[in-house]
Amino acid sequence: LGLSKKDLPHHLDMKRASVLVPLFERKHDFDGESSRQTSSTQQYQSNLHVLFTQRPRKMSSHGGEVCFPGGRQDPEDDGDDVFTPLRE
């Protein structure tokens, strides 16, 4: 699925990173109080959702930011663009 470093010779000196964009469906039950709260936007509701993560606030770079799961490849990832975000 991903490209290995040998496939991209002009990128050999660059650090590789990968993210996962997890999509999932969830059914909504708009009754009672929840329907009153969402009635103005209910016409735009969708069952499709995206999962984000929040980086720990104590991280030295981009601490507390919301992001997709993933990150920089580690040597044990063996250049696998799919394994990297799953590990993260």
PDB file of N, CA and C in Angstrom:
ATOM      1  N   LEU A   1       0.821  -1.189   0.000  1.00  0.00           N
ATOM      2  CA  LEU A   1       0.000   0.000   0.000  1.00  0.00           C
ATOM      3  C   LEU A   1       0.865   1.254   0.000  1.00  0.00           C
ATOM      4  N   GLY A   2       1.889   1.295   0.844  1.00  0.00           N
ATOM      5  CA  GLY A   2       2.774   2.447   0.888  1.00  0.00           C
ATOM      6  C   GLY A   2       3.955   2.269  -0.048  1.00  0.00           C
ATOM      7  N   LEU A   3       4.699   3.335  -0.239  1.00  0.00           N
ATOM      8  CA  LEU A   3       5.884   3.285  -1.088  1.00  0.00           C
ATOM      9  C   LEU A   3       7.116   3.113  -0.212  1.00  0.00           C
ATOM     10  N   SER A   4       8.050   2.307  -0.646  1.00  0.00           N
ATOM     11  CA  SER A   4       9.287   2.157   0.115  1.00  0.00           C
ATOM     12  C   SER A   4      10.275   3.234  -0.319  1.00  0.00           C
ATOM     13  N   LYS A   5      11.307   3.428   0.489  1.00  0.00           N
ATOM     14  CA  LYS A   5      12.304   4.452   0.176  1.00  0.00           C
ATOM     15  C   LYS A   5      12.973   4.212  -1.167  1.00  0.00           C
ATOM     16  N   LYS A   6      13.153   2.957  -1.534  1.00  0.00           N
ATOM     17  CA  LYS A   6      13.804   2.672  -2.818  1.00  0.00           C
ATOM     18  C   LYS A   6      12.927   3.115  -3.988  1.00  0.00           C
ATOM     19  N   ASP A   7      11.608   3.223  -3.765  1.00  0.00           N
ATOM     20  CA  ASP A   7      10.706   3.687  -4.816  1.00  0.00           C
ATOM     21  C   ASP A   7      10.771   5.201  -5.002  1.00  0.00           C
ATOM     22  N   LEU A   8      11.307   5.887  -4.013  1.00  0.00           N
ATOM     23  CA  LEU A   8      11.375   7.353  -4.051  1.00  0.00           C
ATOM     24  C   LEU A   8      12.815   7.808  -3.819  1.00  0.00           C
ATOM     25  N   PRO A   9      13.710   7.599  -4.769  1.00  0.00           N
ATOM     26  CA  PRO A   9      15.125   7.893  -4.529  1.00  0.00           C
ATOM     27  C   PRO A   9      15.390   9.361  -4.197  1.00  0.00           C
ATOM     28  N   HIS A  10      14.571  10.271  -4.696  1.00  0.00           N
ATOM     29  CA  HIS A  10      14.798  11.692  -4.405  1.00  0.00           C
ATOM     30  C   HIS A  10      14.371  12.048  -2.971  1.00  0.00           C
ATOM     31  N   HIS A  11      13.768  11.107  -2.244  1.00  0.00           N
ATOM     32  CA  HIS A  11      13.347  11.341  -0.867  1.00  0.00           C
ATOM     33  C   HIS A  11      14.205  10.595   0.148  1.00  0.00           C
ATOM     34  N   LEU A  12      15.324  10.039  -0.274  1.00  0.00           N
ATOM     35  CA  LEU A  12      16.132   9.205   0.611  1.00  0.00           C
ATOM     36  C   LEU A  12      16.581   9.920   1.878  1.00  0.00           C
ATOM     37  N   ASP A  13      16.875  11.214   1.801  1.00  0.00           N
ATOM     38  CA  ASP A  13      17.379  11.945   2.963  1.00  0.00           C
ATOM     39  C   ASP A  13      16.268  12.522   3.833  1.00  0.00           C
ATOM     40  N   MET A  14      15.025  12.381   3.424  1.00  0.00           N
ATOM     41  CA  MET A  14      13.916  12.942   4.188  1.00  0.00           C
ATOM     42  C   MET A  14      13.409  11.929   5.212  1.00  0.00           C
ATOM     43  N   LYS A  15      12.921  12.433   6.356  1.00  0.00           N
ATOM     44  CA  LYS A  15      12.304  11.568   7.354  1.00  0.00           C
ATOM     45  C   LYS A  15      10.885  11.262   6.887  1.00  0.00           C
ATOM     46  N   ARG A  16      10.510   9.992   7.017  1.00  0.00           N
ATOM     47  CA  ARG A  16       9.184   9.576   6.573  1.00  0.00           C
ATOM     48  C   ARG A  16       8.211   9.599   7.748  1.00  0.00           C
ATOM     49  N   ALA A  17       6.962   9.922   7.431  1.00  0.00           N
ATOM     50  CA  ALA A  17       5.893   9.903   8.424  1.00  0.00           C
ATOM     51  C   ALA A  17       4.635   9.391   7.740  1.00  0.00           C
ATOM     52  N   SER A  18       3.715   8.882   8.532  1.00  0.00           N
ATOM     53  CA  SER A  18       2.463   8.350   7.997  1.00  0.00           C
ATOM     54  C   SER A  18       1.333   8.681   8.959  1.00  0.00           C
ATOM     55  N   VAL A  19       0.161   8.941   8.429  1.00  0.00           N
ATOM     56  CA  VAL A  19      -1.020   9.139   9.256  1.00  0.00           C
ATOM     57  C   VAL A  19      -2.115   8.194   8.799  1.00  0.00           C
ATOM     58  N   LEU A  20      -3.020   7.914   9.703  1.00  0.00           N
ATOM     59  CA  LEU A  20      -4.181   7.088   9.440  1.00  0.00           C
ATOM     60  C   LEU A  20      -5.402   7.993   9.534  1.00  0.00           C
ATOM     61  N   VAL A  21      -6.318   7.900   8.584  1.00  0.00           N
ATOM     62  CA  VAL A  21      -7.545   8.682   8.621  1.00  0.00           C
ATOM     63  C   VAL A  21      -8.686   7.684   8.847  1.00  0.00           C
ATOM     64  N   PRO A  22      -8.961   7.381  10.133  1.00  0.00           N
ATOM     65  CA  PRO A  22      -9.979   6.377  10.424  1.00  0.00           C
ATOM     66  C   PRO A  22     -11.386   6.947  10.260  1.00  0.00           C
ATOM     67  N   LEU A  23     -12.174   6.324   9.407  1.00  0.00           N
ATOM     68  CA  LEU A  23     -13.571   6.696   9.193  1.00  0.00           C
ATOM     69  C   LEU A  23     -14.438   5.584   9.766  1.00  0.00           C
ATOM     70  N   PHE A  24     -15.525   5.970  10.413  1.00  0.00           N
ATOM     71  CA  PHE A  24     -16.443   4.960  10.931  1.00  0.00           C
ATOM     72  C   PHE A  24     -17.854   5.514  10.930  1.00  0.00           C
ATOM     73  N   GLU A  25     -18.814   4.591  10.950  1.00  0.00           N
ATOM     74  CA  GLU A  25     -20.212   4.963  10.999  1.00  0.00           C
ATOM     75  C   GLU A  25     -20.751   4.738  12.403  1.00  0.00           C
ATOM     76  N   ARG A  26     -21.637   5.654  12.824  1.00  0.00           N
ATOM     77  CA  ARG A  26     -22.292   5.506  14.115  1.00  0.00           C
ATOM     78  C   ARG A  26     -23.720   5.984  13.966  1.00  0.00           C
ATOM     79  N   LYS A  27     -24.639   5.217  14.465  1.00  0.00           N
ATOM     80  CA  LYS A  27     -26.037   5.599  14.366  1.00  0.00           C
ATOM     81  C   LYS A  27     -26.363   6.622  15.444  1.00  0.00           C
ATOM     82  N   HIS A  28     -27.174   7.622  15.096  1.00  0.00           N
ATOM     83  CA  HIS A  28     -27.600   8.654  16.038  1.00  0.00           C
ATOM     84  C   HIS A  28     -29.039   8.412  16.442  1.00  0.00           C
ATOM     85  N   ASP A  29     -29.349   8.692  17.679  1.00  0.00           N
ATOM     86  CA  ASP A  29     -30.712   8.604  18.169  1.00  0.00           C
ATOM     87  C   ASP A  29     -31.126  10.008  18.604  1.00  0.00           C
ATOM     88  N   PHE A  30     -31.859  10.695  17.761  1.00  0.00           N
ATOM     89  CA  PHE A  30     -32.252  12.069  18.046  1.00  0.00           C
ATOM     90  C   PHE A  30     -33.628  12.099  18.694  1.00  0.00           C
ATOM     91  N   ASP A  31     -33.674  11.802  19.978  1.00  0.00           N
ATOM     92  CA  ASP A  31     -34.941  11.923  20.690  1.00  0.00           C
ATOM     93  C   ASP A  31     -34.697  12.627  22.012  1.00  0.00           C
ATOM     94  N   GLY A  32     -35.774  13.112  22.589  1.00  0.00           N
ATOM     95  CA  GLY A  32     -35.666  13.777  23.883  1.00  0.00           C
ATOM     96  C   GLY A  32     -34.777  15.000  23.814  1.00  0.00           C
ATOM     97  N   GLU A  33     -33.937  15.151  24.820  1.00  0.00           N
ATOM     98  CA  GLU A  33     -33.086  16.333  24.936  1.00  0.00           C
ATOM     99  C   GLU A  33     -32.101  16.468  23.788  1.00  0.00           C
ATOM    100  N   SER A  34     -31.527  15.369  23.327  1.00  0.00           N
ATOM    101  CA  SER A  34     -30.539  15.449  22.256  1.00  0.00           C
ATOM    102  C   SER A  34     -31.144  16.038  20.994  1.00  0.00           C
ATOM    103  N   SER A  35     -32.446  15.759  20.705  1.00  0.00           N
ATOM    104  CA  SER A  35     -33.047  16.303  19.493  1.00  0.00           C
ATOM    105  C   SER A  35     -33.254  17.807  19.613  1.00  0.00           C
ATOM    106  N   ARG A  36     -33.537  18.288  20.813  1.00  0.00           N
ATOM    107  CA  ARG A  36     -33.684  19.746  20.983  1.00  0.00           C
ATOM    108  C   ARG A  36     -32.343  20.445  20.780  1.00  0.00           C
ATOM    109  N   GLN A  37     -31.279  19.815  21.244  1.00  0.00           N
ATOM    110  CA  GLN A  37     -29.956  20.421  21.117  1.00  0.00           C
ATOM    111  C   GLN A  37     -29.466  20.414  19.674  1.00  0.00           C
ATOM    112  N   THR A  38     -29.853  19.452  18.882  1.00  0.00           N
ATOM    113  CA  THR A  38     -29.326  19.328  17.523  1.00  0.00           C
ATOM    114  C   THR A  38     -30.341  19.711  16.455  1.00  0.00           C
ATOM    115  N   SER A  39     -31.535  20.184  16.858  1.00  0.00           N
ATOM    116  CA  SER A  39     -32.590  20.416  15.877  1.00  0.00           C
ATOM    117  C   SER A  39     -32.174  21.427  14.805  1.00  0.00           C
ATOM    118  N   SER A  40     -31.372  22.432  15.152  1.00  0.00           N
ATOM    119  CA  SER A  40     -30.972  23.422  14.149  1.00  0.00           C
ATOM    120  C   SER A  40     -29.956  22.869  13.158  1.00  0.00           C
ATOM    121  N   THR A  41     -29.218  21.825  13.537  1.00  0.00           N
ATOM    122  CA  THR A  41     -28.207  21.272  12.634  1.00  0.00           C
ATOM    123  C   THR A  41     -28.535  19.859  12.188  1.00  0.00           C
ATOM    124  N   GLN A  42     -29.669  19.324  12.616  1.00  0.00           N
ATOM    125  CA  GLN A  42     -29.984  17.933  12.330  1.00  0.00           C
ATOM    126  C   GLN A  42     -30.011  17.640  10.839  1.00  0.00           C
ATOM    127  N   GLN A  43     -30.405  18.602  10.044  1.00  0.00           N
ATOM    128  CA  GLN A  43     -30.456  18.367   8.602  1.00  0.00           C
ATOM    129  C   GLN A  43     -29.073  18.108   8.020  1.00  0.00           C
ATOM    130  N   TYR A  44     -28.026  18.459   8.729  1.00  0.00           N
ATOM    131  CA  TYR A  44     -26.666  18.273   8.239  1.00  0.00           C
ATOM    132  C   TYR A  44     -25.963  17.103   8.910  1.00  0.00           C
ATOM    133  N   GLN A  45     -26.649  16.364   9.780  1.00  0.00           N
ATOM    134  CA  GLN A  45     -26.021  15.258  10.497  1.00  0.00           C
ATOM    135  C   GLN A  45     -25.691  14.118   9.539  1.00  0.00           C
ATOM    136  N   SER A  46     -24.614  13.439   9.831  1.00  0.00           N
ATOM    137  CA  SER A  46     -24.184  12.300   9.032  1.00  0.00           C
ATOM    138  C   SER A  46     -23.805  11.171   9.970  1.00  0.00           C
ATOM    139  N   ASN A  47     -23.902   9.960   9.494  1.00  0.00           N
ATOM    140  CA  ASN A  47     -23.460   8.819  10.280  1.00  0.00           C
ATOM    141  C   ASN A  47     -21.972   8.557  10.114  1.00  0.00           C
ATOM    142  N   LEU A  48     -21.309   9.273   9.214  1.00  0.00           N
ATOM    143  CA  LEU A  48     -19.886   9.084   8.969  1.00  0.00           C
ATOM    144  C   LEU A  48     -19.084  10.008   9.876  1.00  0.00           C
ATOM    145  N   HIS A  49     -18.116   9.432  10.580  1.00  0.00           N
ATOM    146  CA  HIS A  49     -17.296  10.184  11.532  1.00  0.00           C
ATOM    147  C   HIS A  49     -15.819   9.957  11.243  1.00  0.00           C
ATOM    148  N   VAL A  50     -14.987  10.891  11.697  1.00  0.00           N
ATOM    149  CA  VAL A  50     -13.531  10.796  11.572  1.00  0.00           C
ATOM    150  C   VAL A  50     -12.950  10.780  12.979  1.00  0.00           C
ATOM    151  N   LEU A  51     -11.994   9.902  13.212  1.00  0.00           N
ATOM    152  CA  LEU A  51     -11.353   9.809  14.525  1.00  0.00           C
ATOM    153  C   LEU A  51     -10.088  10.672  14.539  1.00  0.00           C
ATOM    154  N   PHE A  52      -9.986  11.536  15.539  1.00  0.00           N
ATOM    155  CA  PHE A  52      -8.785  12.341  15.766  1.00  0.00           C
ATOM    156  C   PHE A  52      -8.200  11.946  17.115  1.00  0.00           C
ATOM    157  N   THR A  53      -6.944  12.277  17.322  1.00  0.00           N
ATOM    158  CA  THR A  53      -6.319  12.115  18.632  1.00  0.00           C
ATOM    159  C   THR A  53      -5.818  13.467  19.092  1.00  0.00           C
ATOM    160  N   GLN A  54      -5.540  13.585  20.377  1.00  0.00           N
ATOM    161  CA  GLN A  54      -4.953  14.819  20.891  1.00  0.00           C
ATOM    162  C   GLN A  54      -3.573  14.479  21.450  1.00  0.00           C
ATOM    163  N   ARG A  55      -2.581  15.224  20.967  1.00  0.00           N
ATOM    164  CA  ARG A  55      -1.213  14.989  21.430  1.00  0.00           C
ATOM    165  C   ARG A  55      -1.105  15.401  22.894  1.00  0.00           C
ATOM    166  N   PRO A  56      -0.309  14.679  23.686  1.00  0.00           N
ATOM    167  CA  PRO A  56      -0.133  15.057  25.091  1.00  0.00           C
ATOM    168  C   PRO A  56       0.389  16.492  25.207  1.00  0.00           C
ATOM    169  N   ARG A  57      -0.162  17.244  26.138  1.00  0.00           N
ATOM    170  CA  ARG A  57       0.224  18.660  26.309  1.00  0.00           C
ATOM    171  C   ARG A  57       1.713  18.830  26.641  1.00  0.00           C
ATOM    172  N   LYS A  58       2.304  17.830  27.279  1.00  0.00           N
ATOM    173  CA  LYS A  58       3.707  17.945  27.709  1.00  0.00           C
ATOM    174  C   LYS A  58       4.708  17.666  26.594  1.00  0.00           C
ATOM    175  N   MET A  59       4.243  17.313  25.394  1.00  0.00           N
ATOM    176  CA  MET A  59       5.173  17.045  24.286  1.00  0.00           C
ATOM    177  C   MET A  59       5.883  18.336  23.895  1.00  0.00           C
ATOM    178  N   SER A  60       7.134  18.217  23.504  1.00  0.00           N
ATOM    179  CA  SER A  60       7.930  19.402  23.180  1.00  0.00           C
ATOM    180  C   SER A  60       7.506  20.052  21.870  1.00  0.00           C
ATOM    181  N   SER A  61       6.944  19.266  20.945  1.00  0.00           N
ATOM    182  CA  SER A  61       6.487  19.874  19.691  1.00  0.00           C
ATOM    183  C   SER A  61       5.004  19.576  19.483  1.00  0.00           C
ATOM    184  N   HIS A  62       4.255  20.606  19.222  1.00  0.00           N
ATOM    185  CA  HIS A  62       2.821  20.507  18.920  1.00  0.00           C
ATOM    186  C   HIS A  62       2.013  19.896  20.057  1.00  0.00           C
ATOM    187  N   GLY A  63       2.446  20.096  21.297  1.00  0.00           N
ATOM    188  CA  GLY A  63       1.739  19.561  22.453  1.00  0.00           C
ATOM    189  C   GLY A  63       0.310  20.074  22.530  1.00  0.00           C
ATOM    190  N   GLY A  64      -0.636  19.173  22.810  1.00  0.00           N
ATOM    191  CA  GLY A  64      -2.033  19.524  22.971  1.00  0.00           C
ATOM    192  C   GLY A  64      -2.813  19.673  21.676  1.00  0.00           C
ATOM    193  N   GLU A  65      -2.148  19.564  20.537  1.00  0.00           N
ATOM    194  CA  GLU A  65      -2.841  19.739  19.262  1.00  0.00           C
ATOM    195  C   GLU A  65      -3.661  18.503  18.904  1.00  0.00           C
ATOM    196  N   VAL A  66      -4.747  18.728  18.178  1.00  0.00           N
ATOM    197  CA  VAL A  66      -5.580  17.639  17.676  1.00  0.00           C
ATOM    198  C   VAL A  66      -5.021  17.222  16.324  1.00  0.00           C
ATOM    199  N   CYS A  67      -4.941  15.907  16.101  1.00  0.00           N
ATOM    200  CA  CYS A  67      -4.312  15.415  14.875  1.00  0.00           C
ATOM    201  C   CYS A  67      -4.868  14.048  14.496  1.00  0.00           C
ATOM    202  N   PHE A  68      -4.494  13.586  13.319  1.00  0.00           N
ATOM    203  CA  PHE A  68      -4.778  12.216  12.925  1.00  0.00           C
ATOM    204  C   PHE A  68      -3.775  11.302  13.614  1.00  0.00           C
ATOM    205  N   PRO A  69      -4.149  10.048  13.912  1.00  0.00           N
ATOM    206  CA  PRO A  69      -3.174   9.110  14.468  1.00  0.00           C
ATOM    207  C   PRO A  69      -2.031   8.877  13.474  1.00  0.00           C
ATOM    208  N   GLY A  70      -0.839   8.871  13.971  1.00  0.00           N
ATOM    209  CA  GLY A  70       0.316   8.633  13.106  1.00  0.00           C
ATOM    210  C   GLY A  70       1.531   9.365  13.618  1.00  0.00           C
ATOM    211  N   GLY A  71       2.545   9.409  12.796  1.00  0.00           N
ATOM    212  CA  GLY A  71       3.760  10.097  13.195  1.00  0.00           C
ATOM    213  C   GLY A  71       4.950   9.670  12.376  1.00  0.00           C
ATOM    214  N   ARG A  72       6.125  10.004  12.884  1.00  0.00           N
ATOM    215  CA  ARG A  72       7.372   9.701  12.210  1.00  0.00           C
ATOM    216  C   ARG A  72       7.656   8.213  12.249  1.00  0.00           C
ATOM    217  N   GLN A  73       8.180   7.700  11.160  1.00  0.00           N
ATOM    218  CA  GLN A  73       8.545   6.284  11.125  1.00  0.00           C
ATOM    219  C   GLN A  73       9.760   6.033  11.999  1.00  0.00           C
ATOM    220  N   ASP A  74       9.701   4.937  12.711  1.00  0.00           N
ATOM    221  CA  ASP A  74      10.827   4.475  13.509  1.00  0.00           C
ATOM    222  C   ASP A  74      11.547   3.382  12.732  1.00  0.00           C
ATOM    223  N   PRO A  75      12.816   3.112  13.052  1.00  0.00           N
ATOM    224  CA  PRO A  75      13.558   2.070  12.329  1.00  0.00           C
ATOM    225  C   PRO A  75      12.854   0.711  12.346  1.00  0.00           C
ATOM    226  N   GLU A  76      12.179   0.378  13.459  1.00  0.00           N
ATOM    227  CA  GLU A  76      11.507  -0.924  13.526  1.00  0.00           C
ATOM    228  C   GLU A  76      10.267  -1.001  12.625  1.00  0.00           C
ATOM    229  N   ASP A  77       9.825   0.134  12.080  1.00  0.00           N
ATOM    230  CA  ASP A  77       8.683   0.132  11.146  1.00  0.00           C
ATOM    231  C   ASP A  77       9.080  -0.418   9.778  1.00  0.00           C
ATOM    232  N   ASP A  78      10.390  -0.509   9.524  1.00  0.00           N
ATOM    233  CA  ASP A  78      10.910  -1.083   8.285  1.00  0.00           C
ATOM    234  C   ASP A  78      10.331  -0.415   7.033  1.00  0.00           C
ATOM    235  N   GLY A  79      10.086   0.906   7.100  1.00  0.00           N
ATOM    236  CA  GLY A  79       9.589   1.646   5.944  1.00  0.00           C
ATOM    237  C   GLY A  79       8.142   1.382   5.600  1.00  0.00           C
ATOM    238  N   ASP A  80       7.391   0.748   6.503  1.00  0.00           N
ATOM    239  CA  ASP A  80       5.996   0.389   6.241  1.00  0.00           C
ATOM    240  C   ASP A  80       5.071   1.562   6.582  1.00  0.00           C
ATOM    241  N   ASP A  81       4.464   2.149   5.541  1.00  0.00           N
ATOM    242  CA  ASP A  81       3.591   3.313   5.727  1.00  0.00           C
ATOM    243  C   ASP A  81       2.290   2.981   6.439  1.00  0.00           C
ATOM    244  N   VAL A  82       1.906   1.734   6.492  1.00  0.00           N
ATOM    245  CA  VAL A  82       0.682   1.341   7.172  1.00  0.00           C
ATOM    246  C   VAL A  82       0.979   1.021   8.639  1.00  0.00           C
ATOM    247  N   PHE A  83       2.099   0.365   8.910  1.00  0.00           N
ATOM    248  CA  PHE A  83       2.439  -0.021  10.268  1.00  0.00           C
ATOM    249  C   PHE A  83       2.678   1.201  11.162  1.00  0.00           C
ATOM    250  N   THR A  84       3.270   2.248  10.611  1.00  0.00           N
ATOM    251  CA  THR A  84       3.628   3.425  11.410  1.00  0.00           C
ATOM    252  C   THR A  84       2.425   4.024  12.139  1.00  0.00           C
ATOM    253  N   PRO A  85       1.338   4.399  11.457  1.00  0.00           N
ATOM    254  CA  PRO A  85       0.225   4.978  12.217  1.00  0.00           C
ATOM    255  C   PRO A  85      -0.483   3.967  13.113  1.00  0.00           C
ATOM    256  N   LEU A  86      -0.466   2.691  12.739  1.00  0.00           N
ATOM    257  CA  LEU A  86      -1.073   1.700  13.617  1.00  0.00           C
ATOM    258  C   LEU A  86      -0.275   1.559  14.909  1.00  0.00           C
ATOM    259  N   ARG A  87       1.039   1.676  14.817  1.00  0.00           N
ATOM    260  CA  ARG A  87       1.888   1.624  16.020  1.00  0.00           C
ATOM    261  C   ARG A  87       1.622   2.836  16.909  1.00  0.00           C
ATOM    262  N   GLU A  88       1.468   3.984  16.295  1.00  0.00           N
ATOM    263  CA  GLU A  88       1.241   5.209  17.045  1.00  0.00           C
ATOM    264  C   GLU A  88      -0.100   5.167  17.741  1.00  0.00           C
TER     265      GLU A  88
END
